[in-house]
Amino acid sequence: METTAMNDVFDITWKEKQYPCKRMRMGDSIVFVIGFTQQPLFLGKGVDINQEEFWVSIPADSKLTRVVREIGAQIDEHYRQANAK
């Protein structure tokens, strides 16, 4: 069974520190809020012209591309592991 619980909270690691990551519904979309100390980071998934999913910050910010990609990979891995159980 796929894990789809809203308000699921788990930790992600960024620069050797743990931060809470919360899954939420925003309108018709699922977003993830990472609780960085100064300002939370909102992430979602987009779909490109080839129907490939990719992670994006909300609002989109090209300066965050590497951060979003790395944190998005951790979120994907969290759900891969949760769904494998």
Protein backbone atom coordinates (compact mmCIF):
# COMPACT_ATOMS: atom_id res chain seq x y z
CA MET A 1 0.00 0.00 0.00
CA GLU A 2 1.36 3.42 -0.95
CA THR A 3 1.97 5.91 1.85
CA THR A 4 -0.18 8.95 1.12
CA ALA A 5 -0.92 10.39 4.57
CA MET A 6 -1.28 14.14 4.59
CA ASN A 7 0.61 15.97 7.30
CA ASP A 8 3.21 13.18 7.34
CA VAL A 9 6.31 14.59 9.09
CA PHE A 10 9.81 13.16 8.75
CA ASP A 11 13.36 14.49 8.90
CA ILE A 12 15.62 15.36 6.00
CA THR A 13 19.33 16.12 6.24
CA TRP A 14 20.88 19.24 4.82
CA LYS A 15 24.47 20.27 5.53
CA GLU A 16 24.73 17.63 8.26
CA LYS A 17 21.69 18.96 10.17
CA GLN A 18 18.24 17.45 10.53
CA TYR A 19 15.17 19.48 9.53
CA PRO A 20 11.50 18.53 9.70
CA CYS A 21 9.75 17.95 6.39
CA LYS A 22 5.95 18.00 6.34
CA ARG A 23 3.73 16.73 3.53
CA MET A 24 0.67 18.94 2.98
CA ARG A 25 -2.14 19.50 0.52
CA MET A 26 -2.27 22.96 -1.06
CA GLY A 27 -5.32 23.20 -3.29
CA ASP A 28 -5.12 20.23 -5.66
CA SER A 29 -1.37 19.83 -5.17
CA ILE A 30 0.86 18.03 -2.68
CA VAL A 31 3.66 20.20 -1.28
CA PHE A 32 6.45 19.55 1.16
CA VAL A 33 7.49 22.18 3.69
CA ILE A 34 11.04 21.94 5.01
CA GLY A 35 11.40 23.72 8.36
CA PHE A 36 14.65 25.58 7.86
CA THR A 37 15.28 27.89 10.80
CA GLN A 38 15.18 31.26 9.01
CA GLN A 39 12.56 30.60 6.34
CA PRO A 40 10.70 27.43 5.36
CA LEU A 41 11.27 25.96 1.91
CA PHE A 42 8.23 24.78 -0.04
CA LEU A 43 8.76 22.04 -2.65
CA GLY A 44 6.46 20.43 -5.17
CA LYS A 45 6.73 18.24 -8.23
CA GLY A 46 6.27 19.49 -11.74
CA VAL A 47 6.01 17.61 -15.03
CA ASP A 48 8.07 18.59 -18.06
CA ILE A 49 7.13 18.36 -21.74
CA ASN A 50 8.29 14.71 -21.82
CA GLN A 51 6.03 13.83 -18.87
CA GLU A 52 9.09 13.48 -16.58
CA GLU A 53 8.60 14.60 -12.98
CA PHE A 54 10.99 17.08 -11.40
CA TRP A 55 11.21 18.89 -8.07
CA VAL A 56 10.67 22.65 -7.93
CA SER A 57 10.67 25.24 -5.16
CA ILE A 58 7.51 27.26 -4.58
CA PRO A 59 7.86 29.97 -5.70
CA ALA A 60 10.31 28.77 -8.33
CA ASP A 61 13.85 30.08 -7.79
CA SER A 62 16.67 28.98 -10.11
CA LYS A 63 19.22 29.78 -7.37
CA LEU A 64 17.81 26.87 -5.37
CA THR A 65 18.06 24.24 -8.13
CA ARG A 66 20.78 22.15 -6.46
CA VAL A 67 19.18 22.36 -3.01
CA VAL A 68 15.75 21.42 -4.40
CA ARG A 69 17.17 18.48 -6.37
CA GLU A 70 19.04 17.08 -3.35
CA ILE A 71 16.16 17.52 -0.89
CA GLY A 72 13.67 16.19 -3.44
CA ALA A 73 15.80 13.05 -3.81
CA GLN A 74 15.65 12.56 -0.02
CA ILE A 75 11.87 12.93 -0.05
CA ASP A 76 11.60 10.39 -2.90
CA GLU A 77 13.84 7.98 -0.98
CA HIS A 78 11.80 8.41 2.20
CA TYR A 79 8.63 7.35 0.36
CA ARG A 80 10.39 4.54 -1.53
CA GLN A 81 11.48 3.06 1.79
CA ALA A 82 8.08 3.64 3.44
CA ASN A 83 6.27 1.96 0.54
CA ALA A 84 8.68 -1.00 0.52
CA LYS A 85 7.65 -1.96 4.07
